[in-house]
C-alpha atoms as a PDB file:
ATOM      1  CA  MET A   1      18.241  15.227   0.582  1.00  0.00           C
ATOM      2  CA  MET A   2      17.076  15.834  -2.658  1.00  0.00           C
ATOM      3  CA  PRO A   3      17.483  18.469  -4.924  1.00  0.00           C
ATOM      4  CA  GLY A   4      14.259  21.459  -5.486  1.00  0.00           C
ATOM      5  CA  LEU A   5      12.634  23.617  -2.900  1.00  0.00           C
ATOM      6  CA  GLN A   6      12.298  21.622   0.572  1.00  0.00           C
ATOM      7  CA  PRO A   7      10.369  23.543   2.530  1.00  0.00           C
ATOM      8  CA  TYR A   8      10.251  22.901   6.419  1.00  0.00           C
ATOM      9  CA  ILE A   9       8.747  23.514   9.515  1.00  0.00           C
ATOM     10  CA  ASP A  10      10.548  24.269  13.000  1.00  0.00           C
ATOM     11  CA  ILE A  11       8.501  24.605  16.349  1.00  0.00           C
ATOM     12  CA  THR A  12       9.585  25.114  19.567  1.00  0.00           C
ATOM     13  CA  ILE A  13       7.086  26.128  23.021  1.00  0.00           C
ATOM     14  CA  SER A  14       8.591  28.288  25.387  1.00  0.00           C
ATOM     15  CA  GLU A  15       7.836  29.946  28.508  1.00  0.00           C
ATOM     16  CA  GLY A  16       9.336  33.552  29.353  1.00  0.00           C
ATOM     17  CA  ASP A  17      13.241  32.316  28.961  1.00  0.00           C
ATOM     18  CA  LYS A  18      12.392  28.707  29.606  1.00  0.00           C
ATOM     19  CA  ILE A  19      12.486  26.363  26.929  1.00  0.00           C
ATOM     20  CA  VAL A  20       9.190  23.676  27.395  1.00  0.00           C
ATOM     21  CA  LYS A  21       9.583  21.152  24.395  1.00  0.00           C
ATOM     22  CA  LYS A  22      11.241  21.929  20.959  1.00  0.00           C
ATOM     23  CA  TYR A  23       9.609  19.362  17.676  1.00  0.00           C
ATOM     24  CA  ARG A  24      11.550  17.897  15.837  1.00  0.00           C
ATOM     25  CA  ARG A  25      11.922  19.703  12.577  1.00  0.00           C
ATOM     26  CA  ARG A  26       9.857  17.839   9.314  1.00  0.00           C
ATOM     27  CA  LYS A  27       9.352  18.470   6.138  1.00  0.00           C
ATOM     28  CA  CYS A  28       5.656  20.681   4.860  1.00  0.00           C
ATOM     29  CA  ARG A  29       3.414  18.360   3.111  1.00  0.00           C
ATOM     30  CA  SER A  30       0.942  20.926   1.570  1.00  0.00           C
ATOM     31  CA  PHE A  31       1.696  23.701  -1.147  1.00  0.00           C
ATOM     32  CA  VAL A  32      -2.026  23.997  -2.003  1.00  0.00           C
ATOM     33  CA  VAL A  33      -3.140  24.578  -5.511  1.00  0.00           C
ATOM     34  CA  GLN A  34      -3.299  28.557  -4.618  1.00  0.00           C
ATOM     35  CA  PHE A  35       0.650  28.916  -4.533  1.00  0.00           C
ATOM     36  CA  ALA A  36       0.926  26.859  -8.245  1.00  0.00           C
ATOM     37  CA  GLN A  37      -1.574  29.134  -9.119  1.00  0.00           C
ATOM     38  CA  MET A  38       0.057  32.849  -8.213  1.00  0.00           C
ATOM     39  CA  LEU A  39       3.328  31.767  -9.282  1.00  0.00           C
ATOM     40  CA  LEU A  40       2.466  31.308 -12.716  1.00  0.00           C
ATOM     41  CA  HIS A  41       0.243  34.106 -13.207  1.00  0.00           C
ATOM     42  CA  GLY A  42       3.641  35.883 -11.393  1.00  0.00           C
ATOM     43  CA  MET A  43       5.858  34.591 -13.302  1.00  0.00           C
ATOM     44  CA  SER A  44       3.566  34.506 -16.572  1.00  0.00           C
ATOM     45  CA  LEU A  45       1.531  37.350 -15.667  1.00  0.00           C
ATOM     46  CA  ASN A  46      -1.625  36.477 -17.978  1.00  0.00           C
ATOM     47  CA  THR A  47      -5.216  35.923 -16.316  1.00  0.00           C
ATOM     48  CA  VAL A  48      -5.378  32.576 -13.490  1.00  0.00           C
ATOM     49  CA  ALA A  49      -8.544  32.457 -12.918  1.00  0.00           C
ATOM     50  CA  ALA A  50     -11.018  30.917 -10.031  1.00  0.00           C
ATOM     51  CA  VAL A  51      -8.165  30.781  -7.592  1.00  0.00           C
ATOM     52  CA  ILE A  52     -10.268  30.369  -4.311  1.00  0.00           C
ATOM     53  CA  ASP A  53      -9.690  33.081  -1.397  1.00  0.00           C
ATOM     54  CA  THR A  54      -9.006  32.151   2.488  1.00  0.00           C
ATOM     55  CA  GLY A  55     -13.249  33.059   2.430  1.00  0.00           C
ATOM     56  CA  ASN A  56     -13.787  30.550   0.046  1.00  0.00           C
ATOM     57  CA  THR A  57     -14.516  33.537  -2.881  1.00  0.00           C
ATOM     58  CA  SER A  58     -13.532  32.590  -6.480  1.00  0.00           C
ATOM     59  CA  ARG A  59     -10.925  35.264  -7.538  1.00  0.00           C
ATOM     60  CA  SER A  60      -9.448  36.239 -11.510  1.00  0.00           C
ATOM     61  CA  LEU A  61      -6.273  37.644 -11.557  1.00  0.00           C
ATOM     62  CA  VAL A  62      -5.315  39.784 -13.897  1.00  0.00           C
ATOM     63  CA  PRO A  63      -1.646  41.362 -15.221  1.00  0.00           C
ATOM     64  CA  PRO A  64      -1.450  44.396 -13.045  1.00  0.00           C
ATOM     65  CA  VAL A  65      -2.198  47.765 -13.672  1.00  0.00           C
ATOM     66  CA  TYR A  66       0.009  49.709 -10.731  1.00  0.00           C
ATOM     67  CA  SER A  67       3.452  48.758 -10.943  1.00  0.00           C
ATOM     68  CA  ARG A  68       3.114  48.274  -6.988  1.00  0.00           C
ATOM     69  CA  GLN A  69       1.400  45.258  -6.997  1.00  0.00           C
ATOM     70  CA  SER A  70       2.047  42.695  -4.950  1.00  0.00           C
ATOM     71  CA  GLN A  71       2.438  38.683  -3.764  1.00  0.00           C
ATOM     72  CA  PHE A  72       3.532  36.368  -1.903  1.00  0.00           C
ATOM     73  CA  LEU A  73       3.329  39.871   0.712  1.00  0.00           C
ATOM     74  CA  LEU A  74       3.564  37.548   4.613  1.00  0.00           C
ATOM     75  CA  ASN A  75       4.466  41.151   6.526  1.00  0.00           C
ATOM     76  CA  ALA A  76       1.661  40.429   9.108  1.00  0.00           C
ATOM     77  CA  SER A  77       2.050  43.600  11.614  1.00  0.00           C
ATOM     78  CA  ALA A  78       1.231  41.649  15.166  1.00  0.00           C
ATOM     79  CA  GLY A  79      -2.852  41.125  15.851  1.00  0.00           C
ATOM     80  CA  THR A  80      -3.037  40.644  11.958  1.00  0.00           C
ATOM     81  CA  THR A  81      -4.206  36.765  11.215  1.00  0.00           C
ATOM     82  CA  THR A  82      -5.462  37.243   7.213  1.00  0.00           C
ATOM     83  CA  TYR A  83      -2.330  37.095   6.344  1.00  0.00           C
ATOM     84  CA  GLY A  84       1.184  36.035   7.417  1.00  0.00           C
ATOM     85  CA  SER A  85       1.912  32.343   9.386  1.00  0.00           C
ATOM     86  CA  VAL A  86      -0.491  30.760  11.217  1.00  0.00           C
ATOM     87  CA  VAL A  87      -2.374  29.005  13.099  1.00  0.00           C
ATOM     88  CA  GLY A  88      -5.475  26.608  14.130  1.00  0.00           C
ATOM     89  CA  SER A  89      -7.872  24.061  15.969  1.00  0.00           C
ATOM     90  CA  GLY A  90      -8.489  21.749  12.419  1.00  0.00           C
ATOM     91  CA  THR A  91      -8.328  18.567  13.025  1.00  0.00           C
ATOM     92  CA  ASN A  92      -8.122  17.989   9.003  1.00  0.00           C
ATOM     93  CA  VAL A  93      -6.250  16.004   6.861  1.00  0.00           C
ATOM     94  CA  GLU A  94      -4.171  18.073   3.943  1.00  0.00           C
ATOM     95  CA  ALA A  95      -5.003  18.337   0.831  1.00  0.00           C
ATOM     96  CA  ILE A  96      -4.213  20.157  -2.632  1.00  0.00           C
ATOM     97  CA  THR A  97      -7.594  21.855  -2.419  1.00  0.00           C
ATOM     98  CA  ASP A  98      -7.570  23.404   0.700  1.00  0.00           C
ATOM     99  CA  TYR A  99      -7.866  27.516   0.752  1.00  0.00           C
ATOM    100  CA  ALA A 100      -7.566  28.137   3.919  1.00  0.00           C
ATOM    101  CA  LEU A 101      -7.111  26.159   7.945  1.00  0.00           C
ATOM    102  CA  GLN A 102     -10.338  24.325   9.369  1.00  0.00           C
ATOM    103  CA  THR A 103     -10.511  26.574  12.035  1.00  0.00           C
ATOM    104  CA  LEU A 104      -7.994  29.706  12.232  1.00  0.00           C
ATOM    105  CA  ILE A 105      -7.727  30.535  16.172  1.00  0.00           C
ATOM    106  CA  THR A 106      -8.186  34.492  16.036  1.00  0.00           C
ATOM    107  CA  HIS A 107      -5.906  37.216  17.982  1.00  0.00           C
ATOM    108  CA  GLY A 108      -7.166  37.779  21.478  1.00  0.00           C
ATOM    109  CA  THR A 109      -6.339  37.028  24.792  1.00  0.00           C
ATOM    110  CA  THR A 110      -9.730  35.245  25.869  1.00  0.00           C
ATOM    111  CA  SER A 111     -10.776  31.592  26.179  1.00  0.00           C
ATOM    112  CA  GLY A 112      -9.288  29.715  22.713  1.00  0.00           C
ATOM    113  CA  LYS A 113      -7.452  32.551  20.978  1.00  0.00           C
ATOM    114  CA  LEU A 114      -3.280  33.553  20.510  1.00  0.00           C
ATOM    115  CA  GLN A 115      -2.172  36.618  20.097  1.00  0.00           C
ATOM    116  CA  TYR A 116       0.274  36.785  17.119  1.00  0.00           C
ATOM    117  CA  SER A 117       3.044  38.695  16.826  1.00  0.00           C
ATOM    118  CA  ALA A 118       4.101  40.498  13.522  1.00  0.00           C
ATOM    119  CA  VAL A 119       6.199  38.315  11.050  1.00  0.00           C
ATOM    120  CA  THR A 120       9.531  38.852  10.800  1.00  0.00           C
ATOM    121  CA  PHE A 121      12.239  37.439   7.932  1.00  0.00           C
ATOM    122  CA  GLY A 122      15.653  35.452   8.642  1.00  0.00           C
ATOM    123  CA  ALA A 123      18.292  36.947   5.230  1.00  0.00           C
ATOM    124  CA  PRO A 124      18.432  34.243   3.284  1.00  0.00           C
ATOM    125  CA  THR A 125      21.967  31.703   3.973  1.00  0.00           C
ATOM    126  CA  THR A 126      23.902  30.366   1.549  1.00  0.00           C
ATOM    127  CA  ASP A 127      26.721  27.679   1.203  1.00  0.00           C
ATOM    128  CA  ALA A 128      27.961  25.346  -1.388  1.00  0.00           C
ATOM    129  CA  THR A 129      24.311  23.512  -1.899  1.00  0.00           C
ATOM    130  CA  THR A 130      21.815  24.971  -0.333  1.00  0.00           C
ATOM    131  CA  SER A 131      20.131  28.367   0.262  1.00  0.00           C
ATOM    132  CA  TYR A 132      17.292  29.143   2.971  1.00  0.00           C
ATOM    133  CA  MET A 133      15.484  31.589   4.285  1.00  0.00           C
ATOM    134  CA  THR A 134      12.685  31.573   7.443  1.00  0.00           C
ATOM    135  CA  VAL A 135       9.320  32.954   7.978  1.00  0.00           C
ATOM    136  CA  THR A 136       9.353  32.957  12.296  1.00  0.00           C
ATOM    137  CA  ARG A 137       5.648  34.003  14.185  1.00  0.00           C
ATOM    138  CA  ILE A 138       5.348  33.813  17.868  1.00  0.00           C
ATOM    139  CA  PHE A 139       2.193  32.972  19.484  1.00  0.00           C
ATOM    140  CA  THR A 140       1.363  34.073  22.597  1.00  0.00           C
ATOM    141  CA  ASN A 141      -1.739  32.061  25.136  1.00  0.00           C
ATOM    142  CA  GLY A 142      -3.063  34.415  27.090  1.00  0.00           C
ATOM    143  CA  SER A 143      -5.535  33.466  27.916  1.00  0.00           C
ATOM    144  CA  SER A 144      -6.156  32.378  31.889  1.00  0.00           C
ATOM    145  CA  GLY A 145      -6.767  28.492  29.853  1.00  0.00           C
ATOM    146  CA  ASN A 146      -5.427  26.217  27.537  1.00  0.00           C
ATOM    147  CA  VAL A 147      -5.332  26.250  23.507  1.00  0.00           C
ATOM    148  CA  SER A 148      -4.484  23.043  21.240  1.00  0.00           C
ATOM    149  CA  VAL A 149      -3.037  23.837  18.324  1.00  0.00           C
ATOM    150  CA  ASN A 150      -3.920  21.228  14.976  1.00  0.00           C
ATOM    151  CA  GLU A 151      -2.834  23.058  11.992  1.00  0.00           C
ATOM    152  CA  ILE A 152      -0.355  25.977  10.983  1.00  0.00           C
ATOM    153  CA  GLY A 153      -0.308  27.354   7.900  1.00  0.00           C
ATOM    154  CA  LEU A 154       0.471  30.513   5.484  1.00  0.00           C
ATOM    155  CA  TYR A 155      -1.638  33.051   4.127  1.00  0.00           C
ATOM    156  CA  THR A 156      -0.531  35.671   1.361  1.00  0.00           C
ATOM    157  CA  TYR A 157      -2.451  39.057   0.457  1.00  0.00           C
ATOM    158  CA  PHE A 158      -2.759  39.904  -3.035  1.00  0.00           C
ATOM    159  CA  TYR A 159      -3.752  42.983  -4.480  1.00  0.00           C
ATOM    160  CA  ASN A 160      -5.617  42.321  -8.297  1.00  0.00           C
ATOM    161  CA  ASN A 161      -5.490  46.794  -9.248  1.00  0.00           C
ATOM    162  CA  ASP A 162      -6.600  48.262  -7.337  1.00  0.00           C
ATOM    163  CA  THR A 163      -4.587  49.382  -4.285  1.00  0.00           C
ATOM    164  CA  THR A 164      -7.605  50.210  -1.965  1.00  0.00           C
ATOM    165  CA  VAL A 165      -8.646  46.008  -1.653  1.00  0.00           C
ATOM    166  CA  ALA A 166      -6.705  42.931  -0.757  1.00  0.00           C
ATOM    167  CA  TRP A 167      -7.355  39.958  -1.691  1.00  0.00           C
ATOM    168  CA  TYR A 168      -6.345  36.255   0.934  1.00  0.00           C
ATOM    169  CA  PHE A 169      -4.983  33.550  -0.744  1.00  0.00           C
ATOM    170  CA  CYS A 170      -3.539  30.401   1.508  1.00  0.00           C
ATOM    171  CA  LEU A 171      -0.584  28.811   0.258  1.00  0.00           C
ATOM    172  CA  VAL A 172       0.740  26.428   2.231  1.00  0.00           C
ATOM    173  CA  ARG A 173      -1.596  24.315   5.404  1.00  0.00           C
ATOM    174  CA  ASP A 174       0.082  21.490   7.332  1.00  0.00           C
ATOM    175  CA  LYS A 175      -1.839  19.095   9.765  1.00  0.00           C
ATOM    176  CA  LEU A 176       0.392  18.483  12.145  1.00  0.00           C
ATOM    177  CA  ASP A 177       1.831  15.330  13.249  1.00  0.00           C
ATOM    178  CA  SER A 178       0.146  16.017  17.111  1.00  0.00           C
ATOM    179  CA  THR A 179      -1.300  18.550  19.302  1.00  0.00           C
ATOM    180  CA  ILE A 180       0.046  20.824  20.552  1.00  0.00           C
ATOM    181  CA  VAL A 181      -1.409  22.852  23.650  1.00  0.00           C
ATOM    182  CA  LEU A 182      -0.292  25.925  24.848  1.00  0.00           C
ATOM    183  CA  SER A 183      -1.122  26.248  28.423  1.00  0.00           C
ATOM    184  CA  ALA A 184      -1.819  30.527  29.803  1.00  0.00           C
ATOM    185  CA  GLY A 185       1.240  32.129  29.291  1.00  0.00           C
ATOM    186  CA  GLN A 186       3.287  29.807  27.049  1.00  0.00           C
ATOM    187  CA  ASN A 187       4.584  30.513  23.440  1.00  0.00           C
ATOM    188  CA  MET A 188       5.186  29.008  20.099  1.00  0.00           C
ATOM    189  CA  THR A 189       7.744  29.950  18.103  1.00  0.00           C
ATOM    190  CA  LEU A 190       6.526  27.998  14.164  1.00  0.00           C
ATOM    191  CA  ASN A 191       9.195  29.109  11.798  1.00  0.00           C
ATOM    192  CA  TYR A 192       8.919  28.070   7.727  1.00  0.00           C
ATOM    193  CA  ILE A 193      11.818  27.718   6.023  1.00  0.00           C
ATOM    194  CA  LEU A 194      12.626  27.606   2.666  1.00  0.00           C
ATOM    195  CA  LYS A 195      14.745  25.832   1.214  1.00  0.00           C
ATOM    196  CA  ILE A 196      16.529  25.427  -1.804  1.00  0.00           C
ATOM    197  CA  ILE A 197      18.994  22.209  -2.756  1.00  0.00           C
ATOM    198  CA  ILE A 198      21.239  21.177  -5.469  1.00  0.00           C
END
């Protein structure tokens, strides 16, 4: 394996206690430009302008006033689709300029929707050459029909000098190699595995 930051995607489909299908783990291909912009801001505390949020609005990230200002937060609660791991039905190929999923699948139990669990985190694991952590979210089809998933991503939120107003940014968007069709009652467990290799 090549050294560096290597994120992976791991997806499992289940129904009750039974695993229906486990997809082959593959590399995540698509950190987008907002990831680099937010990393620059966090490391330098310089103003970074024209960062496009998930609503396609340009934002300027300025040095923090509040000591509790956070970024890269993914710890979404159940039912939240504005940040954390997200899924969609869009079929456009990835582009580094993507600022959101093409077509976000919203939370719910009616046709075309999925139930979003809370995001959970696996503690970092380290050996002689690698260190990794896992971001996990489960999506449940509580409707009576099929729901098709074609794209996945990670959204973060960011308080910019105002502890009451959050901006949301896409960090990663991946078009899946093939459509995942979730039947009624099935769950999709999505793991983003962030691995560092020396």
